[in-house]
Protein backbone atom coordinates (compact mmCIF):
# COMPACT_ATOMS: atom_id res chain seq x y z
CA MET A 1 -8.13 92.14 29.79
CA LYS A 2 -7.89 92.84 33.52
CA LYS A 3 -11.65 92.41 33.91
CA LEU A 4 -11.47 89.11 32.00
CA ILE A 5 -8.68 87.83 34.25
CA ASN A 6 -10.59 88.85 37.35
CA ARG A 7 -13.76 87.22 36.07
CA ASN A 8 -11.88 84.00 35.24
CA SER A 9 -10.27 84.05 38.66
CA VAL A 10 -13.65 84.38 40.34
CA VAL A 11 -15.06 81.53 38.26
CA PHE A 12 -12.03 79.36 39.06
CA LEU A 13 -12.31 80.07 42.78
CA LEU A 14 -16.04 79.39 42.73
CA VAL A 15 -15.60 76.07 40.92
CA SER A 16 -12.78 75.10 43.29
CA PHE A 17 -14.94 75.98 46.28
CA LEU A 18 -17.88 73.96 44.97
CA CYS A 19 -15.64 70.97 44.24
CA SER A 20 -14.12 71.12 47.71
CA LEU A 21 -17.60 71.44 49.21
CA VAL A 22 -18.81 68.35 47.36
CA HIS A 23 -15.69 66.46 48.41
CA ALA A 24 -16.14 67.54 52.02
CA GLN A 25 -19.78 66.48 51.96
CA THR A 26 -18.90 63.02 50.67
CA SER A 27 -15.65 62.22 52.47
CA LYS A 28 -14.76 58.65 53.36
CA LYS A 29 -16.40 58.94 56.76
CA ASP A 30 -19.46 60.62 55.27
CA MET A 31 -19.78 57.93 52.61
CA GLU A 32 -19.62 55.20 55.23
CA GLN A 33 -22.31 56.89 57.31
CA MET A 34 -24.47 57.54 54.27
CA ILE A 35 -24.23 53.93 53.07
CA ASP A 36 -25.08 52.63 56.55
CA GLN A 37 -28.10 54.94 56.61
CA GLN A 38 -29.21 53.67 53.22
CA PHE A 39 -29.14 50.06 54.37
CA LYS A 40 -31.10 50.94 57.51
CA LEU A 41 -33.67 52.71 55.35
CA ALA A 42 -33.72 49.70 53.03
CA ALA A 43 -34.48 47.39 55.95
CA SER A 44 -37.51 49.42 56.98
CA GLN A 45 -38.67 49.90 53.38
CA TYR A 46 -38.39 46.24 52.47
CA LYS A 47 -40.42 45.21 55.51
CA ILE A 48 -43.16 47.44 54.10
CA LEU A 49 -42.67 45.99 50.64
CA GLU A 50 -42.98 42.47 52.05
CA LYS A 51 -46.40 43.31 53.48
CA ASN A 52 -47.53 44.65 50.11
CA VAL A 53 -46.82 41.42 48.22
CA PRO A 54 -48.69 38.08 48.46
CA ASP A 55 -46.70 35.24 50.00
CA SER A 56 -46.60 33.31 46.71
CA MET A 57 -45.48 36.27 44.59
CA MET A 58 -42.58 38.71 44.15
CA PRO A 59 -42.69 42.53 43.98
CA LYS A 60 -42.46 44.12 40.55
CA THR A 61 -43.21 47.87 40.68
CA VAL A 62 -45.73 50.44 41.91
CA ASN A 63 -48.73 51.30 39.75
CA LYS A 64 -48.59 55.01 38.98
CA ASN A 65 -52.36 55.38 38.90
CA THR A 66 -53.33 53.43 42.02
CA GLY A 67 -50.15 53.73 44.07
CA LYS A 68 -50.35 50.00 44.83
CA VAL A 69 -47.48 47.53 44.53
CA GLU A 70 -47.72 45.25 41.50
CA SER A 71 -46.39 41.73 41.89
CA SER A 72 -45.26 38.89 39.63
CA ASN A 73 -45.01 35.14 39.81
CA THR A 74 -41.62 33.54 40.39
CA LYS A 75 -41.11 32.93 36.66
CA TRP A 76 -40.93 36.66 35.96
CA TRP A 77 -37.38 37.63 35.02
CA CYS A 78 -37.06 39.99 37.99
CA SER A 79 -38.16 37.48 40.62
CA GLY A 80 -34.68 36.92 42.07
CA PHE A 81 -33.96 40.56 42.84
CA PHE A 82 -36.22 40.81 45.92
CA PRO A 83 -34.56 37.98 47.88
CA GLY A 84 -31.15 39.11 46.62
CA SER A 85 -31.76 42.65 47.86
CA LEU A 86 -32.98 41.35 51.20
CA LEU A 87 -29.75 39.41 51.60
CA TYR A 88 -27.62 42.49 50.90
CA ILE A 89 -29.69 44.40 53.44
CA TYR A 90 -29.31 41.67 56.05
CA GLU A 91 -25.55 41.53 55.45
CA HIS A 92 -25.20 45.21 56.34
CA THR A 93 -27.77 45.46 59.14
CA ASN A 94 -27.85 41.99 60.75
CA ASP A 95 -31.61 42.48 60.90
CA GLN A 96 -33.01 39.03 61.67
CA ASP A 97 -36.50 39.94 60.48
CA VAL A 98 -35.05 40.82 57.08
CA LEU A 99 -33.28 37.46 57.00
CA LYS A 100 -36.54 35.66 57.74
CA ILE A 101 -38.24 37.45 54.86
CA ALA A 102 -35.34 36.55 52.57
CA GLN A 103 -35.56 32.88 53.56
CA LYS A 104 -39.30 32.89 53.00
CA ARG A 105 -38.89 34.35 49.50
CA LEU A 106 -36.02 32.03 48.60
CA ALA A 107 -38.26 29.09 49.45
CA ILE A 108 -40.83 30.08 46.81
CA GLN A 109 -38.11 30.91 44.26
CA GLU A 110 -36.24 27.61 44.57
CA LYS A 111 -38.47 25.66 42.18
CA GLU A 112 -37.47 27.91 39.27
CA LYS A 113 -34.08 26.19 39.10
CA HIS A 114 -35.74 23.96 36.49
CA TYR A 115 -37.09 26.85 34.41
CA THR A 116 -36.08 26.83 30.73
CA GLY A 117 -38.57 29.32 29.29
CA ASN A 118 -36.00 32.08 28.69
CA HIS A 119 -32.43 33.13 29.44
CA ASP A 120 -33.02 34.87 32.76
CA LEU A 121 -31.91 32.09 35.13
CA GLY A 122 -28.94 34.20 36.24
CA PHE A 123 -31.13 37.09 37.35
CA MET A 124 -33.67 34.72 38.87
CA MET A 125 -31.41 32.23 40.63
CA TYR A 126 -27.89 33.64 40.99
CA CYS A 127 -28.86 37.07 42.30
CA SER A 128 -30.93 35.23 44.90
CA PHE A 129 -29.32 31.89 45.72
CA GLY A 130 -25.86 33.07 44.71
CA ASN A 131 -25.96 35.65 47.48
CA ALA A 132 -27.45 33.12 49.87
CA TYR A 133 -24.62 30.67 49.26
CA ARG A 134 -22.01 33.44 49.49
CA LEU A 135 -23.27 34.31 52.95
CA PHE A 136 -24.22 30.93 54.43
CA LYS A 137 -22.49 28.22 52.33
CA LYS A 138 -25.45 25.84 52.49
CA PRO A 139 -24.97 22.82 50.19
CA ALA A 140 -28.64 22.91 49.21
CA ASP A 141 -28.26 26.45 47.89
CA LYS A 142 -25.26 25.45 45.81
CA ALA A 143 -27.21 22.49 44.41
CA THR A 144 -29.96 24.91 43.39
CA ILE A 145 -27.44 27.14 41.60
CA ASP A 146 -25.88 24.13 39.84
CA THR A 147 -29.28 22.94 38.59
CA ALA A 148 -30.19 26.43 37.38
CA ALA A 149 -26.98 26.61 35.33
CA ALA A 150 -27.79 23.29 33.67
CA SER A 151 -31.27 24.59 32.87
CA LEU A 152 -29.84 27.73 31.29
CA THR A 153 -27.54 25.80 28.97
CA THR A 154 -30.54 24.08 27.36
CA ARG A 155 -31.03 27.37 25.51
CA TYR A 156 -27.55 27.34 23.98
CA ARG A 157 -27.60 27.26 20.17
CA PRO A 158 -24.32 25.89 18.74
CA GLN A 159 -25.13 27.25 15.27
CA ILE A 160 -24.69 30.83 16.50
CA LYS A 161 -22.59 30.09 19.60
CA SER A 162 -25.11 31.97 21.71
CA ILE A 163 -27.83 31.39 24.28
CA GLN A 164 -31.23 32.13 22.79
CA SER A 165 -32.89 34.73 25.01
CA TRP A 166 -36.58 34.44 24.20
CA ASN A 167 -38.52 31.81 22.32
CA LYS A 168 -39.52 32.43 18.72
CA ASN A 169 -42.48 34.81 18.57
CA GLN A 170 -44.28 37.20 16.25
CA ASN A 171 -41.50 39.76 16.55
CA PHE A 172 -38.36 37.61 16.52
CA ASN A 173 -37.04 34.37 15.06
CA CYS A 174 -34.11 33.61 17.40
CA PRO A 175 -33.47 36.67 19.59
CA VAL A 176 -30.29 37.18 21.60
CA ILE A 177 -30.40 40.27 23.82
CA ILE A 178 -27.56 42.22 25.40
CA ASP A 179 -29.09 41.59 28.85
CA ASN A 180 -27.98 37.97 28.49
CA MET A 181 -24.39 38.98 29.31
CA MET A 182 -25.52 39.25 32.93
CA ASN A 183 -26.71 35.64 33.07
CA LEU A 184 -23.29 34.27 32.13
CA GLU A 185 -22.14 34.84 35.71
CA LEU A 186 -24.28 31.88 36.78
CA LEU A 187 -22.52 29.58 34.31
CA LEU A 188 -19.01 30.80 35.08
CA TRP A 189 -19.48 30.58 38.84
CA VAL A 190 -20.81 27.02 38.71
CA SER A 191 -18.01 25.96 36.38
CA GLN A 192 -15.43 27.56 38.70
CA ASN A 193 -16.91 25.86 41.75
CA GLY A 194 -16.84 22.21 40.79
CA GLY A 195 -19.50 22.24 38.08
CA ASP A 196 -19.51 21.22 34.43
CA GLN A 197 -16.66 22.87 32.49
CA ARG A 198 -18.93 23.02 29.46
CA PHE A 199 -20.81 25.84 31.21
CA ARG A 200 -17.65 27.96 31.02
CA GLU A 201 -17.27 27.15 27.33
CA VAL A 202 -20.87 28.18 26.66
CA ALA A 203 -20.38 31.47 28.52
CA ILE A 204 -17.17 32.28 26.63
CA ASN A 205 -18.72 31.43 23.28
CA HIS A 206 -21.72 33.62 24.04
CA ALA A 207 -19.54 36.53 25.18
CA ASN A 208 -17.36 36.25 22.07
CA SER A 209 -20.40 36.23 19.77
CA THR A 210 -21.77 39.26 21.60
CA LEU A 211 -18.46 41.06 21.28
CA ALA A 212 -18.27 40.32 17.57
CA ASN A 213 -21.86 41.01 16.60
CA HIS A 214 -23.70 43.13 19.14
CA TYR A 215 -21.43 46.16 19.18
CA ARG A 216 -21.10 49.14 16.86
CA PRO A 217 -17.81 50.94 16.14
CA ASP A 218 -18.54 53.52 18.87
CA HIS A 219 -18.85 50.69 21.46
CA SER A 220 -22.61 51.03 21.84
CA ALA A 221 -24.75 47.91 21.59
CA PHE A 222 -27.97 46.86 19.94
CA HIS A 223 -30.56 45.56 22.34
CA VAL A 224 -31.48 42.51 20.23
CA LEU A 225 -29.79 40.44 17.54
CA ASP A 226 -32.38 38.39 15.70
CA TYR A 227 -30.65 35.34 14.19
CA THR A 228 -31.59 32.88 11.51
CA LEU A 229 -30.29 29.60 12.87
CA GLU A 230 -29.95 27.96 9.46
CA THR A 231 -27.58 30.63 8.13
CA GLY A 232 -26.27 32.37 11.23
CA LYS A 233 -27.27 35.74 9.76
CA PHE A 234 -28.72 38.36 12.08
CA ILE A 235 -30.40 41.73 12.17
CA GLY A 236 -29.62 44.20 14.94
CA LYS A 237 -32.62 45.85 16.58
CA ASN A 238 -33.30 48.11 19.55
CA HIS A 239 -36.56 46.63 20.79
CA GLN A 240 -36.56 48.69 23.98
CA GLY A 241 -34.55 51.63 22.68
CA PHE A 242 -35.68 54.77 20.86
CA ASN A 243 -34.81 53.32 17.44
CA ASP A 244 -32.51 50.71 15.92
CA ALA A 245 -29.58 53.15 15.70
CA SER A 246 -29.88 54.51 19.24
CA ALA A 247 -28.13 53.55 22.47
CA TRP A 248 -30.68 52.27 24.98
CA ALA A 249 -29.17 53.16 28.35
CA ARG A 250 -29.96 50.04 30.34
CA GLY A 251 -28.75 47.86 27.47
CA GLN A 252 -25.41 49.66 27.52
CA ALA A 253 -25.28 49.12 31.28
CA TRP A 254 -25.97 45.38 30.99
CA GLY A 255 -23.21 44.93 28.44
CA PHE A 256 -20.72 47.01 30.43
CA TYR A 257 -21.33 45.11 33.65
CA GLY A 258 -21.30 41.80 31.77
CA PHE A 259 -17.92 42.21 30.11
CA THR A 260 -16.38 43.46 33.35
CA MET A 261 -17.70 40.32 35.03
CA MET A 262 -16.36 38.15 32.18
CA TYR A 263 -12.86 39.49 32.86
CA ARG A 264 -13.21 38.60 36.54
CA PHE A 265 -13.71 34.94 35.71
CA VAL A 266 -11.78 34.42 32.46
CA LYS A 267 -9.00 37.07 32.67
CA ASP A 268 -9.08 37.53 28.88
CA GLU A 269 -7.75 41.01 28.08
CA LYS A 270 -10.25 41.53 25.27
CA TYR A 271 -13.09 41.50 27.81
CA LEU A 272 -11.29 44.05 29.97
CA GLN A 273 -10.68 46.29 26.97
CA GLN A 274 -14.31 46.00 25.92
CA ALA A 275 -15.44 47.02 29.41
CA ARG A 276 -13.08 50.00 29.34
CA ASP A 277 -14.32 51.03 25.90
CA ILE A 278 -17.96 50.85 26.99
CA ALA A 279 -17.13 52.83 30.14
CA GLN A 280 -15.63 55.58 28.00
CA PHE A 281 -18.71 55.56 25.76
CA LEU A 282 -20.94 55.95 28.81
CA LEU A 283 -18.95 58.48 30.81
CA ASN A 284 -17.89 60.68 27.90
CA HIS A 285 -21.08 60.61 25.87
CA PRO A 286 -22.23 64.16 25.08
CA ASN A 287 -25.72 63.25 26.26
CA MET A 288 -24.62 61.83 29.60
CA PRO A 289 -25.86 64.32 32.22
CA THR A 290 -23.30 65.82 34.57
CA ASP A 291 -24.75 63.88 37.52
CA LYS A 292 -24.21 60.57 35.63
CA ILE A 293 -27.86 59.45 35.83
CA PRO A 294 -28.47 58.63 32.16
CA TYR A 295 -31.50 59.39 30.07
CA TRP A 296 -33.48 56.23 29.29
CA ASP A 297 -31.86 56.30 25.83
CA PHE A 298 -28.74 58.27 24.96
CA ASN A 299 -30.48 59.32 21.74
CA ALA A 300 -33.94 60.02 23.14
CA PRO A 301 -35.57 62.73 21.02
CA ASN A 302 -36.51 65.15 23.81
CA ILE A 303 -33.19 65.46 25.67
CA PRO A 304 -32.71 67.32 28.04
CA ASN A 305 -36.34 66.73 28.97
CA ALA A 306 -36.23 62.96 28.48
CA LEU A 307 -36.78 60.67 31.45
CA ARG A 308 -33.76 59.54 33.45
CA ASP A 309 -33.29 55.87 34.31
CA ALA A 310 -32.18 55.26 37.89
CA SER A 311 -31.94 51.51 37.21
CA ALA A 312 -29.35 51.99 34.45
CA ALA A 313 -27.40 54.30 36.75
CA SER A 314 -27.34 51.66 39.51
CA ILE A 315 -25.98 48.99 37.17
CA ILE A 316 -23.33 51.37 35.80
CA ALA A 317 -22.20 52.36 39.30
CA SER A 318 -21.76 48.75 40.39
CA GLY A 319 -19.90 47.89 37.18
CA LEU A 320 -17.60 50.90 37.51
CA LEU A 321 -16.55 49.82 40.98
CA GLU A 322 -15.59 46.39 39.72
CA LEU A 323 -13.76 47.81 36.70
CA SER A 324 -11.74 50.02 39.05
CA ARG A 325 -10.26 46.84 40.56
CA TYR A 326 -8.83 45.75 37.21
CA THR A 327 -7.35 49.12 36.22
CA LYS A 328 -4.73 51.37 37.78
CA GLY A 329 -3.90 54.93 38.69
CA LYS A 330 -6.01 57.80 37.43
CA GLU A 331 -8.18 55.55 35.28
CA SER A 332 -9.15 53.43 38.29
CA SER A 333 -9.80 56.43 40.52
CA ASN A 334 -11.94 58.04 37.80
CA TYR A 335 -14.19 54.98 37.79
CA VAL A 336 -14.50 55.09 41.58
CA ASP A 337 -15.28 58.81 41.50
CA ALA A 338 -17.98 58.34 38.87
CA ALA A 339 -19.53 55.47 40.83
CA LYS A 340 -19.46 57.56 43.99
CA GLN A 341 -21.15 60.43 42.18
CA ILE A 342 -23.94 58.13 41.00
CA ILE A 343 -24.44 56.58 44.45
CA VAL A 344 -24.62 60.00 46.14
CA LYS A 345 -27.09 61.27 43.55
CA LEU A 346 -29.31 58.20 43.84
CA ALA A 347 -29.28 58.65 47.62
CA SER A 348 -30.59 62.20 47.26
CA ASP A 349 -34.21 63.27 47.67
CA GLU A 350 -34.57 63.38 43.90
CA TYR A 351 -34.28 59.61 43.53
CA LEU A 352 -34.56 58.09 46.99
CA ALA A 353 -37.98 57.36 48.47
CA LYS A 354 -38.98 58.92 51.75
CA PRO A 355 -39.49 56.44 54.60
CA GLY A 356 -42.81 54.67 54.18
CA ASP A 357 -43.35 55.87 50.62
CA ASN A 358 -42.88 54.29 47.19
CA GLY A 359 -44.66 51.08 48.20
CA GLY A 360 -41.53 50.04 50.10
CA PHE A 361 -39.12 50.31 47.17
CA LEU A 362 -35.97 52.40 47.56
CA LEU A 363 -35.46 54.21 44.26
CA LYS A 364 -37.83 56.27 42.18
CA HIS A 365 -37.59 57.08 38.47
CA GLY A 366 -36.71 53.80 36.85
CA VAL A 367 -37.60 53.17 33.22
CA GLY A 368 -38.64 49.67 32.20
CA PHE A 369 -40.02 49.36 28.65
CA PHE A 370 -40.56 52.93 27.47
CA ASN A 371 -41.97 52.10 24.03
CA ALA A 372 -44.67 49.89 25.55
CA ASN A 373 -45.41 52.37 28.35
CA SER A 374 -44.56 49.59 30.80
CA GLU A 375 -42.96 50.48 34.15
CA VAL A 376 -42.06 53.98 32.99
CA ASP A 377 -40.85 56.44 35.65
CA GLN A 378 -41.55 53.88 38.38
CA PRO A 379 -39.57 51.93 41.00
CA LEU A 380 -37.95 48.72 39.73
CA THR A 381 -36.62 45.76 41.68
CA TYR A 382 -33.40 45.62 39.70
CA GLY A 383 -32.81 49.33 40.23
CA ASP A 384 -32.90 48.72 43.98
CA TYR A 385 -30.80 45.55 43.73
CA TYR A 386 -27.88 47.12 41.87
CA PHE A 387 -28.05 50.27 44.01
CA LEU A 388 -27.63 48.07 47.08
CA GLU A 389 -24.89 46.08 45.36
CA ALA A 390 -23.06 49.27 44.38
CA MET A 391 -23.13 50.51 47.98
CA HIS A 392 -22.06 47.07 49.21
CA ARG A 393 -19.09 47.12 46.82
CA TYR A 394 -18.16 50.69 47.72
CA LYS A 395 -18.12 49.89 51.41
CA GLU A 396 -16.25 46.58 51.01
CA TRP A 397 -13.77 47.62 48.32
CA ILE A 398 -13.22 51.34 48.75
CA LEU A 399 -13.87 52.14 52.41
CA LYS A 400 -12.09 49.15 53.95
């Protein structure tokens, strides 16, 4: 018994020492310095990234085989993340060259305010022009955001009280994906800032349909609901997840962030409770690694050897910081601590690119569409964007 007590005491002291060491390494001052360093690195990286992308295109990822940056046109769903990231970087560095690049990329993105080909107008236009208007309050930028919101509502389907994500295709009849929760911010912001109040109604209807239909009893979500418009019936599928019963990590992150954001605008307690329930699913899942960087799917078959998804981690960290503002006491501080843990881990050598590497992107080890072997274990623009946003929020909300 004495040996057992001594052994337990040693273990306790060791754990306490390690915890205090981690805390000391990431104190308030250390976090501020680390975040400032990350934005300085981002400024230098994104100048490299700019040179690797044609003037009429946007960065997408880095080809694993060639090491070259792959780009997309401005209609690609990720097109708004590059200018949005540049604006976050400028905000924290006051680097005028970064601002010039952002303005150049906004100019080629602006025309997509009329795009109606899918649901991604929020990603494309609010992450870009929303940040531009937040910083500079230019009426032209607000007009662009207003037009984009009107374009998005053309995809609203009253029969199912949802925005149709993709057009009908060989795989789906009327697909609504969990990612769409993120695009509701565009509608709510425009409605709150002098725009059409119908946009708010559409966003609320979509969120309510998602809450009712997308989620399982354990608070995990399907990736896709495929509706029949004539009957309103749907089938839940995990197009980008391991299988239809699994929990695709980035999909869980989109829904979590989306319902937290819905509470910000609408202040409906059911959205707050949903965000808290999803947070508990994420943070307490037996397959969530101790460093809080999730596997690409919580039910991937080869855990613990499955790929991690830095992009999902970035989204979760940013969402946790916002959720901490709507909760109190230990619950709130737990969300901040988890977000901090993710940020610190993503800023480590394991996930952060060395200066000049990674084509100019910040984060390594993102997972796009695993099942199609598309953008797997590669840098992703949205991974960088939400990493920068998470650090921005931590500095503005926690350190000040």
